[in-house]
Amino acid sequence: MIDLKLLQKDFDGLSKKLMRKGVSAELLGDLKEKNETLKVAKVAFEELQAARNAMSKEFGVYKREGKDINELKARIEANNLKVDAALEVQREAQVILEALAMSVPNMPDDSVPDGTDENDNIEIKKVLTPKEFTFKPKEHWELAEQNNWIDFERGAKLSGSRFSVSFDMGAKLERALINFMLNFNSKRGYHEVSVPHMVNRTALEGTGQLPKFENDLYKIEGQDMFLIPTAEVPLTNLFQGEIIPYDKLPIKMTGYTSCYRKEAGAAGRDTRGMIRQHQFHKVELVCITKSETSDTIFNEMIECASDILTALELPHRLMQLCTSDLGFGAAKTTDIEVWLPGQNQYREISSISNTRDFQARRAKIRYKDGKKNVFVNTLNGSSLAVGRTLVAIMENNQNEDGSIDIPEVLKPYLDM
């Protein structure tokens, strides 16, 4: 959540930053109005409190001097009723402002480039050179069907479109990739955590998926529970409402989960294959840290995810996202895009984001810095999307006859 103190202190400065991310003038106007309402309510309450304190002192003087207190007592009682009423008005104004603020995205860092769409993202660097084929490379769904690794028709028969079933080497490679990624991340200092695949509404509010993106989530009928869209949600919310000791930071975690998304805003996009499915596997990195180490850890997370792709010998590039392509909670994001020769283009395989203290404010995650409780910074990133990594392996390692070579680093996980 945005800093409401900053909203009250520098609304114009905050507005300029939010407008870079596409926040409408209407929403900003509503935010300003609700903020002014709260300010007025606070002033009214404080004035009545000050009057109550003054009358309390006067009451003590009257008692000591033996004066008649009946009239003053009546004024105190009347003022107390006004104080109670003013406090309720202030609380209601606070609730309304906070509810509205929950729908406001995070401010982009000043370093994030302005842009209107993904075409304005900036390439940071390329890693590894794509292989030159002596034949026309096939797309992954052709290879998957030819090798009997993935069956899209049977997935649709079981669950509808955008589901699939993996067989034999396809299924084994998914498992191998998950274990390889988790082990790789563990060696980089990330503690492996296994978390539930269902979470409550509070957890999704904490990381910013709710209330804005409820239509993209799978809700459990009859319960206020949801299937997770990413392991970021349960991993970050492990510390919801906690004050973490200073010396325990940073907390670096990695976890594997299946992820569940309706893809409500992706109608007609990537309907074939495994690029955009309703259920997919992903290994995630999450870090909780202090603001002064936030950028260093952000770069470490990017390097970790990129190094996995390098170990798998998969060409990829790093892209700095522009303001319009940033996610709701992100202050800055670097995407990693892997080269897919069958599609003859780079496609996103990882997204590493620094949310600064945006999620921490929503989830109330703080740390003790001396006598002060300070909001942590939270960071998250795919390391990696398993299905898309499998797609990249198939397309980059294919042979002319349609067979697929297995990356050397995965062979020990396959008893090869």
Protein backbone atom coordinates (compact mmCIF):
# COMPACT_ATOMS: atom_id res chain seq x y z
CA MET A 1 0.00 0.00 0.00
CA ILE A 2 1.18 3.53 -0.68
CA ASP A 3 2.49 5.51 2.27
CA LEU A 4 -0.52 7.46 3.61
CA LYS A 5 1.79 9.78 5.55
CA LEU A 6 3.49 10.68 2.28
CA LEU A 7 0.05 11.19 0.75
CA GLN A 8 -0.78 13.75 3.44
CA LYS A 9 2.66 15.38 3.31
CA ASP A 10 3.23 15.60 -0.46
CA PHE A 11 0.13 14.75 -2.48
CA ASP A 12 1.39 16.51 -5.62
CA GLY A 13 4.70 14.65 -5.62
CA LEU A 14 2.97 11.33 -5.01
CA SER A 15 0.46 12.04 -7.79
CA LYS A 16 3.20 12.73 -10.34
CA LYS A 17 4.81 9.38 -9.60
CA LEU A 18 1.51 7.48 -9.76
CA MET A 19 0.57 9.17 -13.04
CA ARG A 20 3.78 7.75 -14.55
CA LYS A 21 2.26 4.33 -13.87
CA GLY A 22 -1.03 5.24 -15.52
CA VAL A 23 -3.14 6.02 -12.46
CA SER A 24 -6.14 8.05 -13.65
CA ALA A 25 -6.83 11.66 -12.68
CA GLU A 26 -10.23 10.46 -11.44
CA LEU A 27 -8.70 8.01 -8.96
CA LEU A 28 -6.14 10.58 -7.83
CA GLY A 29 -8.93 13.13 -7.34
CA ASP A 30 -10.89 10.63 -5.27
CA LEU A 31 -7.77 9.88 -3.24
CA LYS A 32 -7.21 13.58 -2.60
CA GLU A 33 -10.83 14.09 -1.55
CA LYS A 34 -10.77 11.17 0.89
CA ASN A 35 -7.45 12.37 2.25
CA GLU A 36 -8.83 15.89 2.83
CA THR A 37 -11.89 14.41 4.54
CA LEU A 38 -9.62 12.53 6.92
CA LYS A 39 -7.55 15.66 7.58
CA VAL A 40 -10.67 17.67 8.48
CA ALA A 41 -11.91 14.84 10.71
CA LYS A 42 -8.56 14.68 12.52
CA VAL A 43 -8.51 18.45 13.13
CA ALA A 44 -12.06 18.38 14.49
CA PHE A 45 -11.22 15.49 16.82
CA GLU A 46 -8.00 17.12 18.03
CA GLU A 47 -9.76 20.42 18.75
CA LEU A 48 -12.44 18.66 20.82
CA GLN A 49 -9.74 16.69 22.66
CA ALA A 50 -7.87 19.88 23.44
CA ALA A 51 -11.08 21.40 24.79
CA ARG A 52 -11.62 18.31 26.94
CA ASN A 53 -8.09 18.54 28.36
CA ALA A 54 -8.56 22.24 29.14
CA MET A 55 -11.91 21.60 30.89
CA SER A 56 -10.35 18.72 32.88
CA LYS A 57 -7.71 21.10 34.21
CA GLU A 58 -10.38 23.68 34.98
CA PHE A 59 -12.41 21.02 36.79
CA GLY A 60 -9.43 20.30 39.08
CA VAL A 61 -9.09 24.01 39.89
CA TYR A 62 -12.82 24.27 40.70
CA LYS A 63 -12.58 21.28 43.03
CA ARG A 64 -9.57 22.67 44.88
CA GLU A 65 -11.17 26.11 45.25
CA GLY A 66 -14.55 24.70 46.25
CA LYS A 67 -16.43 26.28 43.32
CA ASP A 68 -19.73 25.01 41.93
CA ILE A 69 -18.86 22.32 39.35
CA ASN A 70 -22.36 21.48 38.04
CA GLU A 71 -22.31 23.78 35.00
CA LEU A 72 -18.72 22.82 34.09
CA LYS A 73 -19.56 19.14 34.58
CA ALA A 74 -22.45 19.46 32.14
CA ARG A 75 -20.16 21.10 29.56
CA ILE A 76 -17.57 18.31 29.99
CA GLU A 77 -20.22 15.62 29.49
CA ALA A 78 -21.54 17.33 26.36
CA ASN A 79 -18.01 17.69 24.99
CA ASN A 80 -17.27 14.02 25.71
CA LEU A 81 -20.18 13.03 23.49
CA LYS A 82 -18.78 15.25 20.73
CA VAL A 83 -15.30 13.70 21.17
CA ASP A 84 -16.73 10.19 20.82
CA ALA A 85 -18.68 11.18 17.73
CA ALA A 86 -15.66 12.94 16.19
CA LEU A 87 -13.46 9.90 16.86
CA GLU A 88 -15.97 7.70 15.03
CA VAL A 89 -16.01 10.10 12.08
CA GLN A 90 -12.21 10.03 11.98
CA ARG A 91 -12.11 6.22 12.13
CA GLU A 92 -14.66 5.94 9.33
CA ALA A 93 -12.69 8.41 7.18
CA GLN A 94 -9.51 6.39 7.85
CA VAL A 95 -11.19 3.12 6.81
CA ILE A 96 -12.55 4.69 3.60
CA LEU A 97 -9.14 6.15 2.68
CA GLU A 98 -7.32 2.87 3.39
CA ALA A 99 -9.86 0.89 1.34
CA LEU A 100 -9.34 3.24 -1.60
CA ALA A 101 -5.56 3.13 -1.16
CA MET A 102 -5.69 -0.68 -1.50
CA SER A 103 -6.64 -0.21 -5.16
CA VAL A 104 -3.75 2.20 -5.86
CA PRO A 105 -0.58 0.63 -7.35
CA ASN A 106 2.93 1.09 -6.10
CA MET A 107 4.95 4.11 -7.20
CA PRO A 108 7.66 3.37 -9.78
CA ASP A 109 11.26 4.06 -8.87
CA ASP A 110 12.74 7.17 -10.46
CA SER A 111 15.14 4.90 -12.38
CA VAL A 112 12.25 3.18 -14.23
CA PRO A 113 11.93 4.47 -17.82
CA ASP A 114 8.65 5.99 -18.95
CA GLY A 115 6.75 4.05 -21.57
CA THR A 116 3.33 3.30 -23.02
CA ASP A 117 3.69 -0.47 -23.59
CA GLU A 118 6.18 -3.37 -23.66
CA ASN A 119 7.87 -1.94 -26.75
CA ASP A 120 9.33 0.76 -24.49
CA ASN A 121 11.10 -1.76 -22.26
CA ILE A 122 14.91 -1.46 -22.38
CA GLU A 123 17.26 -4.32 -23.12
CA ILE A 124 20.00 -4.51 -20.47
CA LYS A 125 22.06 -7.30 -22.03
CA LYS A 126 21.95 -10.60 -23.90
CA VAL A 127 23.42 -13.81 -22.45
CA LEU A 128 24.58 -16.60 -24.81
CA THR A 129 24.16 -16.56 -28.56
CA PRO A 130 21.20 -18.36 -30.15
CA LYS A 131 22.10 -21.48 -32.12
CA GLU A 132 21.90 -21.37 -35.89
CA PHE A 133 19.83 -24.24 -37.27
CA THR A 134 20.36 -25.87 -40.67
CA PHE A 135 16.63 -26.62 -40.77
CA LYS A 136 13.44 -24.78 -39.86
CA PRO A 137 12.99 -25.21 -36.06
CA LYS A 138 9.66 -26.61 -34.90
CA GLU A 139 7.54 -25.02 -32.20
CA HIS A 140 7.33 -26.75 -28.85
CA TRP A 141 3.84 -28.16 -29.23
CA GLU A 142 4.89 -30.05 -32.37
CA LEU A 143 7.94 -31.45 -30.60
CA ALA A 144 5.93 -32.30 -27.48
CA GLU A 145 3.38 -34.28 -29.46
CA GLN A 146 5.98 -35.97 -31.69
CA ASN A 147 7.98 -37.19 -28.68
CA ASN A 148 4.88 -38.00 -26.60
CA TRP A 149 6.08 -35.67 -23.84
CA ILE A 150 2.96 -33.54 -23.49
CA ASP A 151 -0.65 -34.23 -24.49
CA PHE A 152 -2.80 -31.10 -24.82
CA GLU A 153 -5.95 -32.90 -26.01
CA ARG A 154 -6.09 -35.18 -22.96
CA GLY A 155 -5.48 -32.18 -20.72
CA ALA A 156 -8.45 -30.44 -22.32
CA LYS A 157 -10.55 -33.59 -21.93
CA LEU A 158 -9.86 -33.61 -18.20
CA SER A 159 -10.04 -29.90 -17.40
CA GLY A 160 -10.75 -27.76 -20.47
CA SER A 161 -8.54 -25.52 -22.56
CA ARG A 162 -5.10 -24.43 -21.35
CA PHE A 163 -4.42 -27.59 -19.38
CA SER A 164 -2.02 -30.36 -20.36
CA VAL A 165 -0.76 -33.78 -19.29
CA SER A 166 2.94 -34.68 -19.28
CA PHE A 167 4.16 -38.21 -20.02
CA ASP A 168 7.42 -40.11 -19.63
CA MET A 169 10.43 -37.88 -20.37
CA GLY A 170 8.21 -34.77 -20.37
CA ALA A 171 7.05 -35.51 -16.83
CA LYS A 172 10.54 -36.56 -15.71
CA LEU A 173 12.07 -33.38 -17.09
CA GLU A 174 9.56 -31.24 -15.20
CA ARG A 175 10.53 -33.01 -11.98
CA ALA A 176 14.23 -32.76 -12.83
CA LEU A 177 13.94 -29.04 -13.52
CA ILE A 178 12.16 -28.41 -10.22
CA ASN A 179 14.84 -30.27 -8.25
CA PHE A 180 17.68 -28.66 -10.22
CA MET A 181 16.30 -25.15 -9.65
CA LEU A 182 15.65 -25.67 -5.94
CA ASN A 183 19.15 -27.09 -5.42
CA PHE A 184 20.69 -24.25 -7.45
CA ASN A 185 18.86 -21.62 -5.39
CA SER A 186 19.74 -23.36 -2.11
CA LYS A 187 23.43 -23.19 -3.01
CA ARG A 188 22.96 -19.43 -3.51
CA GLY A 189 21.75 -19.08 0.08
CA TYR A 190 17.98 -19.37 -0.35
CA HIS A 191 16.22 -21.54 2.23
CA GLU A 192 13.81 -24.03 0.71
CA VAL A 193 10.22 -23.72 1.96
CA SER A 194 7.18 -25.85 1.13
CA VAL A 195 3.93 -23.88 1.46
CA PRO A 196 0.16 -24.44 1.03
CA HIS A 197 -1.38 -23.96 -2.41
CA MET A 198 -4.47 -22.33 -0.90
CA VAL A 199 -4.45 -19.04 1.01
CA ASN A 200 -6.98 -16.73 2.64
CA ARG A 201 -8.08 -13.30 1.46
CA THR A 202 -5.78 -11.48 3.89
CA ALA A 203 -2.69 -13.10 2.34
CA LEU A 204 -3.71 -12.04 -1.18
CA GLU A 205 -4.45 -8.52 0.03
CA GLY A 206 -0.99 -8.44 1.63
CA THR A 207 0.85 -9.08 -1.64
CA GLY A 208 -1.52 -6.97 -3.77
CA GLN A 209 -3.54 -9.52 -5.77
CA LEU A 210 -6.70 -8.46 -3.94
CA PRO A 211 -8.93 -6.57 -4.23
CA LYS A 212 -7.95 -5.51 -7.76
CA PHE A 213 -7.37 -8.90 -9.44
CA GLU A 214 -10.04 -11.12 -7.91
CA ASN A 215 -11.37 -12.09 -11.36
CA ASP A 216 -8.00 -13.65 -12.21
CA LEU A 217 -8.06 -15.97 -9.17
CA TYR A 218 -9.65 -19.37 -8.58
CA LYS A 219 -11.85 -19.09 -5.47
CA ILE A 220 -12.80 -22.08 -3.32
CA GLU A 221 -16.59 -22.33 -3.29
CA GLY A 222 -18.14 -21.75 0.13
CA GLN A 223 -14.86 -20.52 1.66
CA ASP A 224 -12.94 -17.26 1.59
CA MET A 225 -9.95 -19.17 0.24
CA PHE A 226 -8.16 -19.05 -3.11
CA LEU A 227 -5.72 -21.17 -5.09
CA ILE A 228 -2.40 -19.34 -5.25
CA PRO A 229 -1.37 -17.53 -8.46
CA THR A 230 2.30 -17.72 -7.39
CA ALA A 231 4.39 -18.93 -4.44
CA GLU A 232 5.18 -15.26 -3.79
CA VAL A 233 1.86 -15.00 -1.92
CA PRO A 234 2.36 -17.64 0.80
CA LEU A 235 6.13 -17.13 1.06
CA THR A 236 5.84 -13.37 1.67
CA ASN A 237 2.87 -13.75 4.01
CA LEU A 238 4.70 -16.20 6.25
CA PHE A 239 5.75 -13.04 8.12
CA GLN A 240 2.41 -11.22 7.91
CA GLY A 241 1.82 -9.06 11.01
CA GLU A 242 5.27 -9.81 12.46
CA ILE A 243 8.14 -7.67 13.72
CA ILE A 244 11.34 -9.39 12.59
CA PRO A 245 14.54 -9.01 14.64
CA TYR A 246 17.14 -6.86 12.86
CA ASP A 247 19.78 -9.61 12.84
CA LYS A 248 17.41 -12.08 11.12
CA LEU A 249 17.41 -10.02 7.90
CA PRO A 250 17.68 -10.68 5.06
CA ILE A 251 15.36 -13.69 4.88
CA LYS A 252 15.96 -15.46 1.55
CA MET A 253 13.52 -18.19 0.49
CA THR A 254 12.87 -20.43 -2.47
CA GLY A 255 9.89 -22.69 -3.01
CA TYR A 256 8.20 -24.81 -5.66
CA THR A 257 4.43 -24.69 -6.14
CA SER A 258 1.86 -25.20 -8.80
CA CYS A 259 0.27 -21.88 -9.72
CA TYR A 260 -3.34 -21.30 -10.77
CA ARG A 261 -4.54 -18.39 -12.91
CA LYS A 262 -7.71 -17.79 -14.88
CA GLU A 263 -5.75 -15.61 -17.33
CA ALA A 264 -8.92 -13.50 -17.60
CA GLY A 265 -7.08 -10.68 -19.33
CA ALA A 266 -5.29 -12.91 -21.83
CA ALA A 267 -8.15 -13.96 -24.12
CA GLY A 268 -6.84 -15.18 -27.45
CA ARG A 269 -3.16 -15.02 -26.43
CA ASP A 270 -0.93 -18.11 -26.60
CA THR A 271 -3.88 -20.49 -26.81
CA ARG A 272 -1.65 -23.31 -28.14
CA GLY A 273 1.01 -25.00 -26.09
CA MET A 274 2.39 -24.33 -22.63
CA ILE A 275 3.21 -20.62 -22.65
CA ARG A 276 0.00 -19.50 -20.94
CA GLN A 277 -1.80 -22.20 -18.95
CA HIS A 278 -4.32 -22.14 -16.11
CA GLN A 279 -2.14 -24.45 -13.99
CA PHE A 280 1.64 -24.47 -14.19
CA HIS A 281 4.70 -25.21 -12.05
CA LYS A 282 7.10 -22.55 -10.88
CA VAL A 283 10.09 -22.20 -8.58
CA GLU A 284 10.05 -18.84 -6.84
CA LEU A 285 12.56 -16.62 -5.04
CA VAL A 286 11.33 -14.32 -2.25
CA CYS A 287 13.46 -12.06 -0.09
CA ILE A 288 12.55 -9.94 2.91
CA THR A 289 15.16 -7.37 3.78
CA LYS A 290 16.05 -3.84 4.91
CA SER A 291 15.78 -0.93 2.50
CA GLU A 292 19.55 -0.36 2.44
CA THR A 293 20.23 -3.89 1.07
CA SER A 294 17.20 -4.01 -1.20
CA ASP A 295 18.88 -3.08 -4.48
CA THR A 296 21.86 -5.39 -3.90
CA ILE A 297 19.55 -8.36 -3.30
CA PHE A 298 17.45 -7.40 -6.34
CA ASN A 299 20.54 -7.72 -8.53
CA GLU A 300 21.52 -11.00 -6.84
CA MET A 301 18.08 -12.47 -7.59
CA ILE A 302 18.34 -11.48 -11.27
CA GLU A 303 21.79 -13.06 -11.46
CA CYS A 304 20.57 -16.26 -9.80
CA ALA A 305 17.70 -16.74 -12.27
CA SER A 306 19.91 -15.83 -15.24
CA ASP A 307 22.62 -18.25 -14.13
CA ILE A 308 20.12 -21.13 -14.12
CA LEU A 309 19.38 -20.46 -17.78
CA THR A 310 23.11 -20.22 -18.51
CA ALA A 311 23.68 -23.57 -16.80
CA LEU A 312 20.94 -25.02 -19.03
CA GLU A 313 22.70 -23.41 -22.04
CA LEU A 314 19.61 -21.41 -22.94
CA PRO A 315 20.16 -18.01 -24.63
CA HIS A 316 18.28 -15.20 -22.92
CA ARG A 317 18.19 -11.47 -22.40
CA LEU A 318 17.48 -9.10 -19.48
CA MET A 319 14.87 -6.39 -19.95
CA GLN A 320 14.16 -3.38 -17.73
CA LEU A 321 10.41 -2.82 -17.70
CA CYS A 322 9.01 0.64 -18.39
CA THR A 323 6.37 2.28 -16.21
CA SER A 324 3.34 1.00 -18.14
CA ASP A 325 4.57 -2.61 -18.09
CA LEU A 326 5.25 -2.73 -14.34
CA GLY A 327 3.04 -4.95 -12.23
CA PHE A 328 0.63 -3.52 -9.65
CA GLY A 329 2.95 -3.94 -6.66
CA ALA A 330 6.32 -3.43 -8.35
CA ALA A 331 8.53 -0.37 -7.89
CA LYS A 332 10.90 -1.79 -10.49
CA THR A 333 11.13 -5.03 -12.45
CA THR A 334 13.62 -6.84 -14.62
CA ASP A 335 12.22 -9.52 -16.91
CA ILE A 336 14.31 -12.38 -18.23
CA GLU A 337 13.29 -13.49 -21.71
CA VAL A 338 14.47 -16.81 -23.14
CA TRP A 339 15.11 -17.35 -26.85
CA LEU A 340 12.58 -19.65 -28.57
CA PRO A 341 13.82 -20.55 -32.07
CA GLY A 342 10.51 -22.15 -33.03
CA GLN A 343 8.80 -18.79 -32.45
CA ASN A 344 11.90 -16.85 -33.56
CA GLN A 345 11.61 -14.50 -30.62
CA TYR A 346 12.45 -13.96 -26.96
CA ARG A 347 9.65 -14.78 -24.48
CA GLU A 348 9.37 -13.96 -20.78
CA ILE A 349 10.46 -16.77 -18.48
CA SER A 350 11.11 -14.84 -15.27
CA SER A 351 10.08 -11.56 -13.71
CA ILE A 352 12.07 -10.22 -10.75
CA SER A 353 10.46 -7.33 -8.86
CA ASN A 354 11.35 -5.07 -5.96
CA THR A 355 8.17 -3.84 -4.27
CA ARG A 356 10.08 -1.70 -1.74
CA ASP A 357 7.79 -1.41 1.36
CA PHE A 358 4.52 -1.58 -0.64
CA GLN A 359 3.64 -5.18 0.25
CA ALA A 360 5.05 -4.79 3.76
CA ARG A 361 2.58 -1.98 4.52
CA ARG A 362 -0.32 -4.11 3.34
CA ALA A 363 0.87 -7.24 5.17
CA LYS A 364 2.20 -5.29 8.19
CA ILE A 365 5.70 -6.82 8.07
CA ARG A 366 8.25 -4.79 10.00
CA TYR A 367 11.65 -5.13 11.62
CA LYS A 368 13.09 -3.65 14.79
CA ASP A 369 15.66 -0.93 14.04
CA GLY A 370 16.80 0.28 17.44
CA LYS A 371 13.64 1.51 19.15
CA LYS A 372 11.72 1.96 15.90
CA ASN A 373 9.61 -0.54 13.99
CA VAL A 374 10.35 -0.10 10.27
CA PHE A 375 8.61 -1.65 7.27
CA VAL A 376 10.74 -4.22 5.43
CA ASN A 377 11.32 -4.35 1.69
CA THR A 378 10.00 -7.42 -0.14
CA LEU A 379 11.28 -8.83 -3.42
CA ASN A 380 10.07 -11.72 -5.55
CA GLY A 381 11.00 -13.44 -8.78
CA SER A 382 10.51 -16.58 -10.84
CA SER A 383 13.48 -18.90 -10.77
CA LEU A 384 12.02 -20.24 -13.03
CA ALA A 385 8.68 -21.00 -14.68
CA VAL A 386 9.08 -24.76 -15.20
CA GLY A 387 6.80 -25.15 -18.23
CA ARG A 388 8.42 -22.29 -20.12
CA THR A 389 11.88 -23.65 -19.30
CA LEU A 390 10.82 -27.02 -20.72
CA VAL A 391 9.54 -25.22 -23.83
CA ALA A 392 12.93 -23.52 -24.23
CA ILE A 393 14.79 -26.80 -23.81
CA MET A 394 12.64 -28.47 -26.47
CA GLU A 395 12.99 -25.69 -29.02
CA ASN A 396 16.70 -24.93 -28.48
CA ASN A 397 17.83 -28.58 -28.24
CA GLN A 398 15.81 -30.07 -31.11
CA ASN A 399 17.33 -32.04 -33.93
CA GLU A 400 16.16 -32.20 -37.53
CA ASP A 401 14.41 -35.55 -36.94
CA GLY A 402 12.44 -34.02 -34.04
CA SER A 403 14.42 -35.70 -31.27
CA ILE A 404 15.54 -33.52 -28.35
CA ASP A 405 18.91 -33.45 -26.59
CA ILE A 406 18.88 -33.33 -22.79
CA PRO A 407 20.97 -30.58 -21.09
CA GLU A 408 24.01 -32.03 -19.35
CA VAL A 409 23.19 -30.47 -15.95
CA LEU A 410 19.84 -32.31 -15.86
CA LYS A 411 21.18 -35.79 -16.66
CA PRO A 412 22.12 -36.62 -13.04
CA TYR A 413 18.49 -35.89 -12.08
CA LEU A 414 17.32 -38.35 -14.75
CA ASP A 415 19.78 -41.17 -13.91
CA MET A 416 21.42 -40.66 -17.31
